[in-house]
Amino acid sequence: MARPDDLASLLITGKSEGVGFRQGTVLAYNPLTGENTILVGGGIVTNLPILNTSEALLLEAQSVVGILTAGPSWFILGRITVPNTPQALTALNAIRIASANVPDFDNTASTTFVDLATPGPSVDLFVGPTGRCLVLLTTAIQESLTTTPRGGIMGVAVSGATTRPASFNRILQIGHSDDQYNNLWCRTTAAVMEEGLTPGWHTFTAKYASNDSGLVDFYDRNLTAIAL
């Protein structure tokens, strides 16, 4: 890492005041702390303040950034992006949300994840460099009159830049284990955090299962995905 005196030619141009503009390339960036290392004009500067805090969520190594200079003080303005590129897409959509609803009344007795007669809902969403997406699963679940413990499960499958099948570790689940209950009905929401996704376009699709091979109805189904 360069010493402070090595950067004198970069930081001081003969004037102590005045506003200017530089362009730099991010060499390293910590998205949790904002710590950064930037290559500017052949020299390295570290931990520049970031003026646009929403951009702090999207910076990564190799990002090209604009830098505001005001005398000896330097600030990262934000990324410089070329239109119609993945970088431009994340810049224009710092918070990306997609939601879809299926009102149809369908059922399944499968104990593994399946599509219902009317599949979905399903949404397409671009996931940025954080690789994180919060998925909200909502459905009404109902079972017929019975003394057999039952219940329903709603999960999410991921395809696109990352492929993940629906998993019983990431679900909305309603059920009971006492045969005094019957005609179970409720509508509820569960939040599923998808992490470690490869940046790029993804499709999130709802899948369904029964707790114990009893026939379970699902309706008024919603899936909302929020890229973080």
Protein backbone atom coordinates (compact mmCIF):
# COMPACT_ATOMS: atom_id res chain seq x y z
CA MET A 1 0.00 0.00 0.00
CA ALA A 2 1.28 3.44 -0.81
CA ARG A 3 2.50 5.70 2.00
CA PRO A 4 0.82 9.10 2.51
CA ASP A 5 3.85 10.92 1.08
CA ASP A 6 3.64 8.75 -2.07
CA LEU A 7 0.19 10.23 -2.73
CA ALA A 8 1.19 13.85 -2.45
CA SER A 9 1.38 14.28 -6.22
CA LEU A 10 -2.14 12.91 -6.55
CA LEU A 11 -3.79 14.80 -3.74
CA ILE A 12 -2.07 18.15 -4.14
CA THR A 13 -1.91 19.72 -7.56
CA GLY A 14 -0.47 23.06 -6.55
CA LYS A 15 -3.77 24.48 -5.33
CA SER A 16 -5.24 23.91 -1.93
CA GLU A 17 -8.76 24.81 -3.02
CA GLY A 18 -11.02 24.21 -5.99
CA VAL A 19 -13.30 21.44 -7.17
CA GLY A 20 -12.25 18.80 -9.66
CA PHE A 21 -13.14 15.39 -11.03
CA ARG A 22 -11.11 12.20 -11.29
CA GLN A 23 -11.88 8.65 -12.41
CA GLY A 24 -10.75 5.59 -10.51
CA THR A 25 -11.05 1.80 -10.41
CA VAL A 26 -12.02 -0.09 -7.27
CA LEU A 27 -9.31 -2.61 -6.34
CA ALA A 28 -10.94 -3.85 -3.15
CA TYR A 29 -14.21 -3.10 -1.38
CA ASN A 30 -15.78 -4.32 1.86
CA PRO A 31 -19.61 -4.08 1.53
CA LEU A 32 -20.05 -4.43 5.30
CA THR A 33 -17.77 -1.58 6.38
CA GLY A 34 -17.38 0.53 3.22
CA GLU A 35 -13.59 0.26 3.40
CA ASN A 36 -12.12 0.69 -0.07
CA THR A 37 -8.94 0.72 -2.10
CA ILE A 38 -9.04 2.77 -5.31
CA LEU A 39 -6.56 3.03 -8.18
CA VAL A 40 -6.42 6.62 -9.45
CA GLY A 41 -3.98 7.81 -12.11
CA GLY A 42 -1.38 5.18 -11.29
CA GLY A 43 -1.56 5.72 -7.50
CA ILE A 44 -3.59 4.06 -4.77
CA VAL A 45 -5.88 5.79 -2.29
CA THR A 46 -7.76 4.09 0.53
CA ASN A 47 -11.02 4.55 2.37
CA LEU A 48 -12.43 7.49 0.43
CA PRO A 49 -15.76 8.73 1.80
CA ILE A 50 -18.81 7.82 -0.34
CA LEU A 51 -21.23 10.65 -1.08
CA ASN A 52 -24.00 8.50 -2.58
CA THR A 53 -24.72 6.02 0.19
CA SER A 54 -27.12 3.94 -1.94
CA GLU A 55 -24.18 3.25 -4.26
CA ALA A 56 -22.31 1.84 -1.26
CA LEU A 57 -24.53 -1.26 -1.57
CA LEU A 58 -23.42 -1.87 -5.15
CA LEU A 59 -19.70 -1.11 -5.29
CA GLU A 60 -17.37 -4.03 -5.94
CA ALA A 61 -13.86 -4.74 -7.21
CA GLN A 62 -13.32 -3.48 -10.79
CA SER A 63 -16.13 -0.93 -10.53
CA VAL A 64 -15.16 2.31 -12.30
CA VAL A 65 -16.05 5.27 -10.10
CA GLY A 66 -16.21 9.03 -10.41
CA ILE A 67 -14.30 10.94 -7.73
CA LEU A 68 -15.01 14.48 -6.59
CA THR A 69 -11.97 16.42 -5.45
CA ALA A 70 -12.30 19.51 -3.28
CA GLY A 71 -8.83 20.71 -2.37
CA PRO A 72 -7.19 17.92 -0.35
CA SER A 73 -10.52 16.14 0.21
CA TRP A 74 -11.67 13.36 -2.15
CA PHE A 75 -15.06 11.64 -2.29
CA ILE A 76 -16.49 8.73 -4.31
CA LEU A 77 -19.46 10.08 -6.28
CA GLY A 78 -20.61 6.71 -7.57
CA ARG A 79 -20.09 4.17 -10.31
CA ILE A 80 -19.61 5.13 -13.94
CA THR A 81 -21.72 2.74 -16.01
CA VAL A 82 -22.28 2.12 -19.70
CA PRO A 83 -25.95 1.99 -20.79
CA ASN A 84 -27.48 -1.44 -21.44
CA THR A 85 -24.96 -3.35 -19.31
CA PRO A 86 -25.53 -5.33 -16.09
CA GLN A 87 -23.73 -2.58 -14.18
CA ALA A 88 -26.15 0.03 -15.52
CA LEU A 89 -29.11 -2.17 -14.59
CA THR A 90 -28.06 -2.42 -10.95
CA ALA A 91 -27.29 1.30 -10.83
CA LEU A 92 -30.75 2.21 -12.13
CA ASN A 93 -32.49 -0.25 -9.86
CA ALA A 94 -30.72 -0.06 -6.51
CA ILE A 95 -33.74 -1.67 -4.86
CA ARG A 96 -35.38 -4.19 -7.16
CA ILE A 97 -38.77 -5.74 -6.39
CA ALA A 98 -40.96 -8.13 -8.39
CA SER A 99 -44.29 -9.58 -7.28
CA ALA A 100 -46.89 -11.91 -8.79
CA ASN A 101 -50.18 -13.39 -7.60
CA VAL A 102 -52.19 -16.52 -8.52
CA PRO A 103 -55.74 -16.52 -7.12
CA ASP A 104 -56.66 -20.03 -8.37
CA PHE A 105 -57.85 -22.72 -5.95
CA ASP A 106 -55.66 -25.83 -6.53
CA ASN A 107 -54.52 -28.77 -4.40
CA THR A 108 -51.92 -31.49 -4.03
CA ALA A 109 -51.27 -34.59 -1.91
CA SER A 110 -47.62 -34.83 -2.93
CA THR A 111 -45.04 -34.96 -0.14
CA THR A 112 -42.40 -33.64 -2.56
CA PHE A 113 -42.47 -30.21 -4.16
CA VAL A 114 -44.63 -29.95 -7.29
CA ASP A 115 -46.41 -27.38 -9.44
CA LEU A 116 -50.14 -27.06 -8.88
CA ALA A 117 -52.64 -27.30 -11.74
CA THR A 118 -52.17 -23.55 -12.12
CA PRO A 119 -48.41 -23.14 -11.53
CA GLY A 120 -46.68 -20.31 -9.79
CA PRO A 121 -46.62 -17.52 -9.04
CA SER A 122 -43.26 -16.83 -10.64
CA VAL A 123 -41.19 -13.63 -10.99
CA ASP A 124 -38.02 -12.60 -12.81
CA LEU A 125 -35.55 -10.37 -10.98
CA PHE A 126 -31.98 -9.16 -11.45
CA VAL A 127 -29.76 -9.92 -8.43
CA GLY A 128 -26.76 -7.65 -7.98
CA PRO A 129 -23.26 -8.23 -6.61
CA THR A 130 -24.50 -8.80 -3.04
CA GLY A 131 -25.97 -12.13 -4.17
CA ARG A 132 -28.88 -11.71 -1.76
CA CYS A 133 -32.62 -11.75 -2.34
CA LEU A 134 -35.49 -11.76 0.18
CA VAL A 135 -38.43 -13.87 -1.00
CA LEU A 136 -41.86 -13.43 0.63
CA LEU A 137 -44.19 -16.42 0.26
CA THR A 138 -47.91 -15.90 0.93
CA THR A 139 -50.80 -18.34 0.54
CA ALA A 140 -54.13 -19.45 1.96
CA ILE A 141 -54.08 -23.14 2.98
CA GLN A 142 -57.12 -25.30 3.61
CA GLU A 143 -57.77 -29.01 4.16
CA SER A 144 -60.98 -30.99 3.99
CA LEU A 145 -62.75 -32.36 7.10
CA THR A 146 -60.49 -35.09 8.45
CA THR A 147 -59.05 -36.63 11.60
CA THR A 148 -55.71 -37.20 9.87
CA PRO A 149 -53.05 -34.61 10.74
CA ARG A 150 -52.27 -32.66 7.62
CA GLY A 151 -51.12 -29.25 6.48
CA GLY A 152 -49.46 -27.56 3.55
CA ILE A 153 -46.04 -26.34 2.50
CA MET A 154 -45.05 -23.59 0.05
CA GLY A 155 -41.43 -23.33 -1.10
CA VAL A 156 -39.44 -21.54 -3.79
CA ALA A 157 -37.31 -22.84 -6.65
CA VAL A 158 -34.60 -20.65 -8.19
CA SER A 159 -33.39 -20.79 -11.80
CA GLY A 160 -31.34 -18.59 -14.09
CA ALA A 161 -27.88 -17.38 -13.06
CA THR A 162 -28.24 -19.68 -10.03
CA THR A 163 -30.20 -22.95 -9.94
CA ARG A 164 -31.71 -24.21 -6.67
CA PRO A 165 -34.63 -26.62 -6.26
CA ALA A 166 -37.29 -25.90 -3.67
CA SER A 167 -36.03 -27.08 -0.27
CA PHE A 168 -37.77 -27.96 2.99
CA ASN A 169 -35.22 -25.68 4.68
CA ARG A 170 -36.71 -22.61 2.97
CA ILE A 171 -40.49 -22.78 3.29
CA LEU A 172 -43.81 -21.50 4.50
CA GLN A 173 -45.46 -24.34 6.43
CA ILE A 174 -48.81 -24.72 8.21
CA GLY A 175 -49.99 -27.93 9.87
CA HIS A 176 -51.03 -29.69 13.05
CA SER A 177 -50.14 -32.90 14.87
CA ASP A 178 -53.26 -33.55 16.94
CA ASP A 179 -56.25 -35.29 15.36
CA GLN A 180 -58.72 -33.14 17.32
CA TYR A 181 -58.18 -30.47 14.66
CA ASN A 182 -59.91 -30.57 11.32
CA ASN A 183 -60.87 -28.28 8.49
CA LEU A 184 -57.68 -26.30 8.99
CA TRP A 185 -57.67 -22.91 7.23
CA CYS A 186 -55.34 -19.95 7.36
CA ARG A 187 -53.55 -17.39 5.20
CA THR A 188 -50.03 -16.43 6.16
CA THR A 189 -46.65 -15.16 4.91
CA ALA A 190 -43.10 -16.42 5.42
CA ALA A 191 -39.81 -14.71 4.55
CA VAL A 192 -37.07 -16.78 2.88
CA MET A 193 -33.58 -15.31 2.48
CA GLU A 194 -31.69 -16.51 -0.59
CA GLU A 195 -27.96 -15.85 -0.30
CA GLY A 196 -24.89 -16.67 -2.35
CA LEU A 197 -26.69 -16.10 -5.65
CA THR A 198 -24.62 -15.48 -8.77
CA PRO A 199 -25.20 -11.88 -9.96
CA GLY A 200 -27.60 -11.87 -12.92
CA TRP A 201 -31.18 -12.61 -13.85
CA HIS A 202 -33.10 -15.14 -11.75
CA THR A 203 -36.56 -16.69 -11.85
CA PHE A 204 -38.21 -17.41 -8.50
CA THR A 205 -41.10 -19.92 -8.70
CA ALA A 206 -43.42 -21.12 -5.94
CA LYS A 207 -43.70 -24.89 -5.38
CA TYR A 208 -46.08 -26.85 -3.15
CA ALA A 209 -46.31 -29.99 -1.02
CA SER A 210 -48.51 -31.73 1.56
CA ASN A 211 -47.26 -32.44 5.08
CA ASP A 212 -48.24 -36.12 5.06
CA SER A 213 -49.84 -37.05 1.69
CA GLY A 214 -53.27 -35.71 2.65
CA LEU A 215 -54.97 -33.53 0.06
CA VAL A 216 -54.32 -29.85 0.78
CA ASP A 217 -55.79 -26.81 -1.00
CA PHE A 218 -53.83 -23.64 -1.81
CA TYR A 219 -55.25 -20.37 -3.13
CA ASP A 220 -54.69 -16.61 -3.21
CA ARG A 221 -50.97 -17.26 -3.65
CA ASN A 222 -48.34 -14.52 -3.84
CA LEU A 223 -44.57 -14.45 -4.32
CA THR A 224 -42.62 -11.23 -3.86
CA ALA A 225 -38.85 -11.07 -4.40
CA ILE A 226 -36.69 -8.17 -3.20
CA ALA A 227 -33.06 -7.99 -4.36
CA LEU A 228 -30.88 -6.59 -1.57
